[in-house]
Each structure stands twice: as structure tokens, then as C-alpha cells.
C-alpha atoms as a PDB file:
ATOM      1  CA  UNK A   1       0.000   0.000   0.000  1.00  0.00           C
ATOM      2  CA  UNK A   2       1.367   3.416  -0.963  1.00  0.00           C
ATOM      3  CA  UNK A   3       2.440   5.741   1.851  1.00  0.00           C
ATOM      4  CA  UNK A   4       0.281   8.875   1.947  1.00  0.00           C
ATOM      5  CA  UNK A   5       1.995  11.584   4.063  1.00  0.00           C
ATOM      6  CA  UNK A   6      -1.106  13.797   4.279  1.00  0.00           C
ATOM      7  CA  UNK A   7      -3.330  11.026   5.682  1.00  0.00           C
ATOM      8  CA  UNK A   8      -0.574   9.909   8.061  1.00  0.00           C
ATOM      9  CA  UNK A   9      -0.205  13.469   9.342  1.00  0.00           C
ATOM     10  CA  UNK A  10      -3.979  13.876   9.776  1.00  0.00           C
ATOM     11  CA  UNK A  11      -4.156  10.676  11.821  1.00  0.00           C
ATOM     12  CA  UNK A  12      -1.206  11.806  13.953  1.00  0.00           C
ATOM     13  CA  UNK A  13      -2.838  15.181  14.619  1.00  0.00           C
ATOM     14  CA  UNK A  14      -6.134  13.573  15.651  1.00  0.00           C
ATOM     15  CA  UNK A  15      -4.301  11.141  17.907  1.00  0.00           C
ATOM     16  CA  UNK A  16      -2.314  13.968  19.494  1.00  0.00           C
ATOM     17  CA  UNK A  17      -5.517  15.937  20.129  1.00  0.00           C
ATOM     18  CA  UNK A  18      -7.083  12.834  21.694  1.00  0.00           C
ATOM     19  CA  UNK A  19      -4.022  12.353  23.918  1.00  0.00           C
ATOM     20  CA  UNK A  20      -4.137  16.022  24.973  1.00  0.00           C
ATOM     21  CA  UNK A  21      -7.785  15.781  26.053  1.00  0.00           C
ATOM     22  CA  UNK A  22      -7.110  12.510  27.872  1.00  0.00           C
ATOM     23  CA  UNK A  23      -4.307  14.283  29.778  1.00  0.00           C
ATOM     24  CA  UNK A  24      -6.567  17.234  30.622  1.00  0.00           C
ATOM     25  CA  UNK A  25      -9.256  14.827  31.804  1.00  0.00           C
ATOM     26  CA  UNK A  26      -6.832  13.130  34.176  1.00  0.00           C
ATOM     27  CA  UNK A  27      -5.690  16.549  35.507  1.00  0.00           C
ATOM     28  CA  UNK A  28      -9.109  18.228  35.734  1.00  0.00           C
ATOM     29  CA  UNK A  29      -9.153  18.221  39.542  1.00  0.00           C
ATOM     30  CA  UNK A  30      -5.751  19.920  39.692  1.00  0.00           C
ATOM     31  CA  UNK A  31      -6.076  22.558  36.960  1.00  0.00           C
ATOM     32  CA  UNK A  32      -6.170  26.229  37.923  1.00  0.00           C
ATOM     33  CA  UNK A  33      -9.704  27.583  38.179  1.00  0.00           C
ATOM     34  CA  UNK A  34      -8.836  30.365  35.734  1.00  0.00           C
ATOM     35  CA  UNK A  35      -8.122  27.794  33.010  1.00  0.00           C
ATOM     36  CA  UNK A  36     -11.416  25.952  33.299  1.00  0.00           C
ATOM     37  CA  UNK A  37     -13.878  28.321  31.540  1.00  0.00           C
ATOM     38  CA  UNK A  38     -11.775  28.482  28.367  1.00  0.00           C
ATOM     39  CA  UNK A  39     -11.084  24.726  28.304  1.00  0.00           C
ATOM     40  CA  UNK A  40     -14.716  23.927  29.032  1.00  0.00           C
ATOM     41  CA  UNK A  41     -15.845  26.102  26.115  1.00  0.00           C
ATOM     42  CA  UNK A  42     -13.397  24.266  23.865  1.00  0.00           C
ATOM     43  CA  UNK A  43     -14.645  20.894  25.133  1.00  0.00           C
ATOM     44  CA  UNK A  44     -18.295  21.811  24.493  1.00  0.00           C
ATOM     45  CA  UNK A  45     -17.493  22.899  20.939  1.00  0.00           C
ATOM     46  CA  UNK A  46     -15.566  19.688  20.347  1.00  0.00           C
ATOM     47  CA  UNK A  47     -18.394  17.569  21.771  1.00  0.00           C
ATOM     48  CA  UNK A  48     -20.902  19.266  19.469  1.00  0.00           C
ATOM     49  CA  UNK A  49     -18.851  18.358  16.406  1.00  0.00           C
ATOM     50  CA  UNK A  50     -18.148  14.838  17.662  1.00  0.00           C
ATOM     51  CA  UNK A  51     -21.839  14.171  18.365  1.00  0.00           C
ATOM     52  CA  UNK A  52     -22.760  15.390  14.888  1.00  0.00           C
ATOM     53  CA  UNK A  53     -20.033  13.276  13.271  1.00  0.00           C
ATOM     54  CA  UNK A  54     -21.087  10.161  15.213  1.00  0.00           C
ATOM     55  CA  UNK A  55     -24.723  10.585  14.186  1.00  0.00           C
ATOM     56  CA  UNK A  56     -23.951  11.042  10.488  1.00  0.00           C
ATOM     57  CA  UNK A  57     -21.294   8.332  10.371  1.00  0.00           C
ATOM     58  CA  UNK A  58     -23.574   5.879  12.176  1.00  0.00           C
ATOM     59  CA  UNK A  59     -26.241   6.416   9.544  1.00  0.00           C
ATOM     60  CA  UNK A  60     -23.739   5.827   6.737  1.00  0.00           C
ATOM     61  CA  UNK A  61     -21.791   2.923   8.228  1.00  0.00           C
ATOM     62  CA  UNK A  62     -24.617   0.968   9.821  1.00  0.00           C
ATOM     63  CA  UNK A  63     -27.553   2.641   8.177  1.00  0.00           C
ATOM     64  CA  UNK A  64     -30.975   1.069   7.952  1.00  0.00           C
ATOM     65  CA  UNK A  65     -31.182  -2.640   7.400  1.00  0.00           C
ATOM     66  CA  UNK A  66     -32.995  -2.034   4.166  1.00  0.00           C
ATOM     67  CA  UNK A  67     -32.461   1.004   1.970  1.00  0.00           C
ATOM     68  CA  UNK A  68     -35.630   3.022   1.648  1.00  0.00           C
ATOM     69  CA  UNK A  69     -35.268   3.261  -2.109  1.00  0.00           C
ATOM     70  CA  UNK A  70     -35.532  -0.550  -2.385  1.00  0.00           C
ATOM     71  CA  UNK A  71     -38.757  -0.866  -0.395  1.00  0.00           C
ATOM     72  CA  UNK A  72     -41.958  -1.397  -2.403  1.00  0.00           C
ATOM     73  CA  UNK A  73     -44.039   1.760  -2.622  1.00  0.00           C
ATOM     74  CA  UNK A  74     -47.106   2.889  -4.591  1.00  0.00           C
ATOM     75  CA  UNK A  75     -46.488   3.877  -8.200  1.00  0.00           C
ATOM     76  CA  UNK A  76     -45.366   7.458  -8.625  1.00  0.00           C
ATOM     77  CA  UNK A  77     -43.796   7.714  -5.164  1.00  0.00           C
ATOM     78  CA  UNK A  78     -41.432  10.672  -5.432  1.00  0.00           C
ATOM     79  CA  UNK A  79     -40.327  11.087  -1.804  1.00  0.00           C
ATOM     80  CA  UNK A  80     -39.763   8.767   1.156  1.00  0.00           C
ATOM     81  CA  UNK A  81     -38.258   9.261   4.583  1.00  0.00           C
ATOM     82  CA  UNK A  82     -37.652   7.589   7.945  1.00  0.00           C
ATOM     83  CA  UNK A  83     -37.315   9.811  11.060  1.00  0.00           C
ATOM     84  CA  UNK A  84     -33.825  10.145  12.468  1.00  0.00           C
ATOM     85  CA  UNK A  85     -34.843   8.746  15.863  1.00  0.00           C
ATOM     86  CA  UNK A  86     -35.307   5.339  14.169  1.00  0.00           C
ATOM     87  CA  UNK A  87     -32.111   5.496  12.138  1.00  0.00           C
ATOM     88  CA  UNK A  88     -29.388   6.701  14.524  1.00  0.00           C
ATOM     89  CA  UNK A  89     -28.748   7.002  18.269  1.00  0.00           C
ATOM     90  CA  UNK A  90     -29.938  10.196  19.948  1.00  0.00           C
ATOM     91  CA  UNK A  91     -27.970  12.174  22.531  1.00  0.00           C
ATOM     92  CA  UNK A  92     -29.224  11.864  25.204  1.00  0.00           C
ATOM     93  CA  UNK A  93     -30.942   8.536  24.550  1.00  0.00           C
ATOM     94  CA  UNK A  94     -33.820   9.191  26.918  1.00  0.00           C
ATOM     95  CA  UNK A  95     -35.776  11.651  29.020  1.00  0.00           C
ATOM     96  CA  UNK A  96     -37.368  11.066  32.436  1.00  0.00           C
ATOM     97  CA  UNK A  97     -40.410  13.142  33.391  1.00  0.00           C
ATOM     98  CA  UNK A  98     -40.057  15.602  30.502  1.00  0.00           C
ATOM     99  CA  UNK A  99     -41.975  18.864  30.459  1.00  0.00           C
ATOM    100  CA  UNK A 100     -44.505  19.346  27.683  1.00  0.00           C
ATOM    101  CA  UNK A 101     -42.721  20.775  24.663  1.00  0.00           C
ATOM    102  CA  UNK A 102     -39.403  19.056  25.464  1.00  0.00           C
ATOM    103  CA  UNK A 103     -37.254  18.532  22.368  1.00  0.00           C
ATOM    104  CA  UNK A 104     -36.069  14.911  22.478  1.00  0.00           C
ATOM    105  CA  UNK A 105     -34.022  15.016  19.292  1.00  0.00           C
ATOM    106  CA  UNK A 106     -33.901  16.909  15.990  1.00  0.00           C
ATOM    107  CA  UNK A 107     -37.519  17.620  15.038  1.00  0.00           C
ATOM    108  CA  UNK A 108     -38.931  15.317  17.750  1.00  0.00           C
ATOM    109  CA  UNK A 109     -41.019  16.849  20.558  1.00  0.00           C
ATOM    110  CA  UNK A 110     -43.220  15.418  23.325  1.00  0.00           C
ATOM    111  CA  UNK A 111     -46.470  17.145  24.294  1.00  0.00           C
ATOM    112  CA  UNK A 112     -48.682  16.308  27.283  1.00  0.00           C
ATOM    113  CA  UNK A 113     -50.691  17.809  30.139  1.00  0.00           C
ATOM    114  CA  UNK A 114     -49.733  15.337  32.878  1.00  0.00           C
ATOM    115  CA  UNK A 115     -49.062  17.396  36.035  1.00  0.00           C
ATOM    116  CA  UNK A 116     -46.790  14.720  37.524  1.00  0.00           C
ATOM    117  CA  UNK A 117     -44.892  14.141  34.250  1.00  0.00           C
ATOM    118  CA  UNK A 118     -45.153  10.403  34.970  1.00  0.00           C
ATOM    119  CA  UNK A 119     -43.562   9.215  31.760  1.00  0.00           C
ATOM    120  CA  UNK A 120     -40.239   8.009  30.404  1.00  0.00           C
ATOM    121  CA  UNK A 121     -39.064   8.164  26.823  1.00  0.00           C
ATOM    122  CA  UNK A 122     -35.994   6.239  25.728  1.00  0.00           C
ATOM    123  CA  UNK A 123     -34.340   5.018  22.581  1.00  0.00           C
ATOM    124  CA  UNK A 124     -32.915   1.516  22.338  1.00  0.00           C
ATOM    125  CA  UNK A 125     -31.203  -0.492  19.632  1.00  0.00           C
ATOM    126  CA  UNK A 126     -33.556  -2.617  17.547  1.00  0.00           C
ATOM    127  CA  UNK A 127     -32.443  -6.249  17.681  1.00  0.00           C
ATOM    128  CA  UNK A 128     -35.554  -7.729  16.059  1.00  0.00           C
ATOM    129  CA  UNK A 129     -34.493  -9.199  12.719  1.00  0.00           C
ATOM    130  CA  UNK A 130     -38.022  -8.697  11.371  1.00  0.00           C
ATOM    131  CA  UNK A 131     -37.665  -4.915  11.586  1.00  0.00           C
ATOM    132  CA  UNK A 132     -35.814  -2.654   9.186  1.00  0.00           C
ATOM    133  CA  UNK A 133     -35.025   0.314  11.429  1.00  0.00           C
ATOM    134  CA  UNK A 134     -31.944   0.234  13.645  1.00  0.00           C
ATOM    135  CA  UNK A 135     -33.591   1.955  16.648  1.00  0.00           C
ATOM    136  CA  UNK A 136     -36.800   1.788  18.706  1.00  0.00           C
ATOM    137  CA  UNK A 137     -38.396   4.684  20.564  1.00  0.00           C
ATOM    138  CA  UNK A 138     -40.249   3.575  23.723  1.00  0.00           C
ATOM    139  CA  UNK A 139     -42.791   5.625  25.645  1.00  0.00           C
ATOM    140  CA  UNK A 140     -43.394   4.278  29.157  1.00  0.00           C
ATOM    141  CA  UNK A 141     -46.257   5.778  31.140  1.00  0.00           C
ATOM    142  CA  UNK A 142     -47.127   5.266  34.813  1.00  0.00           C
ATOM    143  CA  UNK A 143     -50.075   6.971  36.525  1.00  0.00           C
ATOM    144  CA  UNK A 144     -51.053   9.513  33.897  1.00  0.00           C
ATOM    145  CA  UNK A 145     -53.125  12.357  35.293  1.00  0.00           C
ATOM    146  CA  UNK A 146     -53.510  14.291  32.061  1.00  0.00           C
ATOM    147  CA  UNK A 147     -55.837  14.140  29.080  1.00  0.00           C
ATOM    148  CA  UNK A 148     -53.401  13.897  26.154  1.00  0.00           C
ATOM    149  CA  UNK A 149     -49.942  12.593  25.218  1.00  0.00           C
ATOM    150  CA  UNK A 150     -48.405  12.953  21.793  1.00  0.00           C
ATOM    151  CA  UNK A 151     -45.103  12.797  19.972  1.00  0.00           C
ATOM    152  CA  UNK A 152     -44.589  15.314  17.209  1.00  0.00           C
ATOM    153  CA  UNK A 153     -42.043  14.769  14.441  1.00  0.00           C
ATOM    154  CA  UNK A 154     -41.275  17.447  11.864  1.00  0.00           C
ATOM    155  CA  UNK A 155     -41.159  16.274   8.274  1.00  0.00           C
ATOM    156  CA  UNK A 156     -38.168  17.558   6.285  1.00  0.00           C
ATOM    157  CA  UNK A 157     -38.486  20.477   3.904  1.00  0.00           C
ATOM    158  CA  UNK A 158     -38.341  18.168   0.863  1.00  0.00           C
ATOM    159  CA  UNK A 159     -41.908  16.988   1.446  1.00  0.00           C
ATOM    160  CA  UNK A 160     -43.167  20.517   0.751  1.00  0.00           C
ATOM    161  CA  UNK A 161     -41.479  20.813  -2.660  1.00  0.00           C
ATOM    162  CA  UNK A 162     -44.258  20.655  -5.228  1.00  0.00           C
ATOM    163  CA  UNK A 163     -46.790  19.397  -2.668  1.00  0.00           C
ATOM    164  CA  UNK A 164     -50.385  19.768  -3.914  1.00  0.00           C
ATOM    165  CA  UNK A 165     -53.879  18.629  -3.020  1.00  0.00           C
ATOM    166  CA  UNK A 166     -53.408  15.858  -5.611  1.00  0.00           C
ATOM    167  CA  UNK A 167     -50.902  14.105  -3.339  1.00  0.00           C
ATOM    168  CA  UNK A 168     -51.400  11.353  -0.795  1.00  0.00           C
ATOM    169  CA  UNK A 169     -49.098  11.188   2.221  1.00  0.00           C
ATOM    170  CA  UNK A 170     -48.549   7.549   3.181  1.00  0.00           C
ATOM    171  CA  UNK A 171     -47.275   6.475   6.615  1.00  0.00           C
ATOM    172  CA  UNK A 172     -46.221   2.901   7.311  1.00  0.00           C
ATOM    173  CA  UNK A 173     -45.761   2.131  11.005  1.00  0.00           C
ATOM    174  CA  UNK A 174     -44.897  -0.768  13.275  1.00  0.00           C
ATOM    175  CA  UNK A 175     -46.003  -0.025  16.847  1.00  0.00           C
ATOM    176  CA  UNK A 176     -45.929  -2.419  19.813  1.00  0.00           C
ATOM    177  CA  UNK A 177     -47.958  -1.646  22.957  1.00  0.00           C
ATOM    178  CA  UNK A 178     -47.602  -3.745  26.088  1.00  0.00           C
ATOM    179  CA  UNK A 179     -51.333  -3.382  26.793  1.00  0.00           C
ATOM    180  CA  UNK A 180     -54.290  -2.544  24.589  1.00  0.00           C
ATOM    181  CA  UNK A 181     -54.016   0.998  23.289  1.00  0.00           C
ATOM    182  CA  UNK A 182     -55.866   3.534  21.169  1.00  0.00           C
ATOM    183  CA  UNK A 183     -53.347   5.300  18.961  1.00  0.00           C
ATOM    184  CA  UNK A 184     -53.930   7.979  16.347  1.00  0.00           C
ATOM    185  CA  UNK A 185     -51.851   9.627  13.641  1.00  0.00           C
ATOM    186  CA  UNK A 186     -52.496  13.257  12.779  1.00  0.00           C
ATOM    187  CA  UNK A 187     -50.984  14.977   9.758  1.00  0.00           C
ATOM    188  CA  UNK A 188     -50.608  18.737  10.159  1.00  0.00           C
ATOM    189  CA  UNK A 189     -49.927  21.154   7.307  1.00  0.00           C
ATOM    190  CA  UNK A 190     -49.124  24.741   8.217  1.00  0.00           C
ATOM    191  CA  UNK A 191     -49.969  27.186   5.452  1.00  0.00           C
ATOM    192  CA  UNK A 192     -49.905  30.844   6.327  1.00  0.00           C
ATOM    193  CA  UNK A 193     -52.049  31.564   9.388  1.00  0.00           C
ATOM    194  CA  UNK A 194     -53.945  28.267   9.026  1.00  0.00           C
ATOM    195  CA  UNK A 195     -53.147  24.672   9.908  1.00  0.00           C
ATOM    196  CA  UNK A 196     -54.869  21.827   8.094  1.00  0.00           C
ATOM    197  CA  UNK A 197     -55.269  18.603  10.097  1.00  0.00           C
ATOM    198  CA  UNK A 198     -56.201  15.061   9.102  1.00  0.00           C
ATOM    199  CA  UNK A 199     -56.713  12.513  11.890  1.00  0.00           C
ATOM    200  CA  UNK A 200     -56.554   8.739  11.454  1.00  0.00           C
ATOM    201  CA  UNK A 201     -57.146   5.995  14.021  1.00  0.00           C
ATOM    202  CA  UNK A 202     -54.817   2.983  14.030  1.00  0.00           C
ATOM    203  CA  UNK A 203     -57.285   0.161  14.621  1.00  0.00           C
ATOM    204  CA  UNK A 204     -56.585  -3.410  15.663  1.00  0.00           C
ATOM    205  CA  UNK A 205     -53.718  -2.565  18.018  1.00  0.00           C
ATOM    206  CA  UNK A 206     -52.946  -5.893  19.723  1.00  0.00           C
ATOM    207  CA  UNK A 207     -50.930  -5.989  22.937  1.00  0.00           C
ATOM    208  CA  UNK A 208     -47.488  -7.531  23.030  1.00  0.00           C
ATOM    209  CA  UNK A 209     -46.786  -7.634  19.296  1.00  0.00           C
ATOM    210  CA  UNK A 210     -45.654  -5.329  16.547  1.00  0.00           C
ATOM    211  CA  UNK A 211     -48.729  -3.984  14.769  1.00  0.00           C
ATOM    212  CA  UNK A 212     -48.099  -2.920  11.190  1.00  0.00           C
ATOM    213  CA  UNK A 213     -50.367  -0.280   9.690  1.00  0.00           C
ATOM    214  CA  UNK A 214     -50.391   1.641   6.439  1.00  0.00           C
ATOM    215  CA  UNK A 215     -52.164   4.969   6.844  1.00  0.00           C
ATOM    216  CA  UNK A 216     -52.958   7.311   3.967  1.00  0.00           C
ATOM    217  CA  UNK A 217     -53.751  11.019   4.181  1.00  0.00           C
ATOM    218  CA  UNK A 218     -55.492  12.284   1.048  1.00  0.00           C
ATOM    219  CA  UNK A 219     -54.680  15.979   0.787  1.00  0.00           C
ATOM    220  CA  UNK A 220     -57.827  16.531  -1.288  1.00  0.00           C
ATOM    221  CA  UNK A 221     -59.598  16.459   2.095  1.00  0.00           C
ATOM    222  CA  UNK A 222     -57.874  19.709   3.053  1.00  0.00           C
ATOM    223  CA  UNK A 223     -58.373  23.294   1.970  1.00  0.00           C
ATOM    224  CA  UNK A 224     -54.640  24.018   2.105  1.00  0.00           C
ATOM    225  CA  UNK A 225     -53.127  26.848   0.128  1.00  0.00           C
ATOM    226  CA  UNK A 226     -50.487  25.083  -1.972  1.00  0.00           C
ATOM    227  CA  UNK A 227     -48.495  28.292  -2.368  1.00  0.00           C
ATOM    228  CA  UNK A 228     -48.181  29.008   1.361  1.00  0.00           C
ATOM    229  CA  UNK A 229     -47.108  25.691   2.883  1.00  0.00           C
ATOM    230  CA  UNK A 230     -44.428  26.446   5.471  1.00  0.00           C
ATOM    231  CA  UNK A 231     -44.364  23.360   7.713  1.00  0.00           C
ATOM    232  CA  UNK A 232     -45.564  19.755   7.753  1.00  0.00           C
ATOM    233  CA  UNK A 233     -45.475  17.558  10.846  1.00  0.00           C
ATOM    234  CA  UNK A 234     -46.908  14.297  12.119  1.00  0.00           C
ATOM    235  CA  UNK A 235     -48.321  13.589  15.579  1.00  0.00           C
ATOM    236  CA  UNK A 236     -48.511  10.160  17.204  1.00  0.00           C
ATOM    237  CA  UNK A 237     -51.299  10.501  19.776  1.00  0.00           C
ATOM    238  CA  UNK A 238     -51.796   8.039  22.640  1.00  0.00           C
ATOM    239  CA  UNK A 239     -55.278   8.008  24.159  1.00  0.00           C
ATOM    240  CA  UNK A 240     -55.528   6.955  27.834  1.00  0.00           C
ATOM    241  CA  UNK A 241     -51.855   5.955  27.991  1.00  0.00           C
ATOM    242  CA  UNK A 242     -51.659   5.263  31.762  1.00  0.00           C
ATOM    243  CA  UNK A 243     -49.819   2.106  32.863  1.00  0.00           C
ATOM    244  CA  UNK A 244     -48.674   1.197  29.397  1.00  0.00           C
ATOM    245  CA  UNK A 245     -45.499   1.125  27.336  1.00  0.00           C
ATOM    246  CA  UNK A 246     -45.504   1.691  23.593  1.00  0.00           C
ATOM    247  CA  UNK A 247     -42.595   1.030  21.257  1.00  0.00           C
ATOM    248  CA  UNK A 248     -42.377   2.742  17.869  1.00  0.00           C
ATOM    249  CA  UNK A 249     -40.375   0.242  15.830  1.00  0.00           C
ATOM    250  CA  UNK A 250     -40.861   1.647  12.349  1.00  0.00           C
ATOM    251  CA  UNK A 251     -42.178   4.727  10.597  1.00  0.00           C
ATOM    252  CA  UNK A 252     -41.755   5.359   6.878  1.00  0.00           C
ATOM    253  CA  UNK A 253     -43.375   8.446   5.409  1.00  0.00           C
ATOM    254  CA  UNK A 254     -43.778   8.825   1.653  1.00  0.00           C
ATOM    255  CA  UNK A 255     -45.879  10.704  -0.855  1.00  0.00           C
ATOM    256  CA  UNK A 256     -47.396   9.807  -4.208  1.00  0.00           C
ATOM    257  CA  UNK A 257     -49.978  11.342  -6.544  1.00  0.00           C
ATOM    258  CA  UNK A 258     -53.572  10.236  -6.266  1.00  0.00           C
ATOM    259  CA  UNK A 259     -54.518   7.742  -8.973  1.00  0.00           C
ATOM    260  CA  UNK A 260     -56.865   9.189 -11.581  1.00  0.00           C
ATOM    261  CA  UNK A 261     -59.893   6.957 -11.955  1.00  0.00           C
END
């Protein structure tokens, strides 16, 4: 193999930086207090870049167990997407007793009105060979004193490009509740001062197994202004979630034009 001085030097520089931070870590208790603010700021900046690199590299190296572009979809499908919380580890991987509106990961928010915040959300690796996603998001609920609990995930900007009332948004999910559960999906389309909503109930949700559903949202049901769409997001709504645990094992969102009959 040919010797490449530039790559060798880059590896040496990264190793030296790693050694320097390992030394600082071992000396943290003995460093002068005046040094700490500057070093801490450097460490936070480094951690930000490392976390970002680990997320992106994980998606590329491990990736999903099946590429989205090889999955069967309706004819004319021109966009498909799996949320990041099912494709790569989040930092942090969980949240205990989160406030309503807590951002769990990029574009992923929990909403509820439980005064005791008696819930736990955590991400785990997906070891089930029947699933395609590499991660699972679990929502564990104890005594829930509120009236609603939902997870909101923002759809990427690409879904809005050329989106019209002739499109159908398709959502394929695999959800596993530990006990019987009523679960809904709600598609929200922000356009100007208005928000269009379409609600769908996921029926036949059996306890203790992964329930696969394909849900379609026909945008002809909305009165959206195609020229003013500024945001699209999807809510997973759990009705009466107390004393239950629900695992989201898969979610694939796609769009295709409505078939002309």
C-alpha cells in the first residue's frame, strides 16, 4: 500500500488531540480555576462536532437494514423518509419526566398535560431481525393524570417541494404496545395563518406484538393553500396511555400522486 503523508499526518494530529484531552481529563481536579472556563468552552465545541459526526457516520456505516429506495411503494412515489430517531442514536438517549414541549431530538417533541410528568421516553437499539429500522423509541407511562400525550415529528423540507392537493401522504408504522391501546396519527400542514389537520385511528392494536399499519392522508380532504405551505409535521397521539409502554419500531413516510380513476 502506498504511503500517503497527508493522511498519516492527519491521523497523527487527531491522535495527538485525543491524547491532549485525555491528559486534561486526568488533571481536571488539579487545573487552575482560571483555566477551566476556556477549556470547558473548547470541550463543548468539540463535543458538538463529535456528536454530529457520530450521528452522520452511524447512519452511513450501519444505516438502515434495508435502503428506503428498495422498499416497495405505490407507483409514482417521489419522496420517502424515515425519522432520524429510528435510524441513529440520539444524545441523550432518553428523558425522564419531561416537560410538555421538550425537544427529544432533531424535530422530535413530546407534548402532554400530565401534572406529575409520569412518563419516560428512551431510545434503544432494535435487535428484532423482522424490523428494518436500527432503533426503537419507547414511551413508558405510569399513573397519567392528564388528558393527552403525543409525539410530534417534523417532516423535512423536501416533502413541501411541489406538494399539492393531488398528493397522498402515506405512513407505514410498526407499533408495539404492552397493553391494549388507542393510537392515532395526525398529519398537520401549516400554510400561512392556518393549519390543516387530518386525523386517522390505528385500529386493531394488539398488545405484546408489533402492529403494522399503512395509513394514507389524502390531501384533497384539506383546503390548504399550496403556495403558502411552510411546515408539515406528524403527531402520534396516545389516548388513555396510563400504565402502558408503547414502542415505535418503524415509521416510513412517503408521498405519491392520487390515482386518476
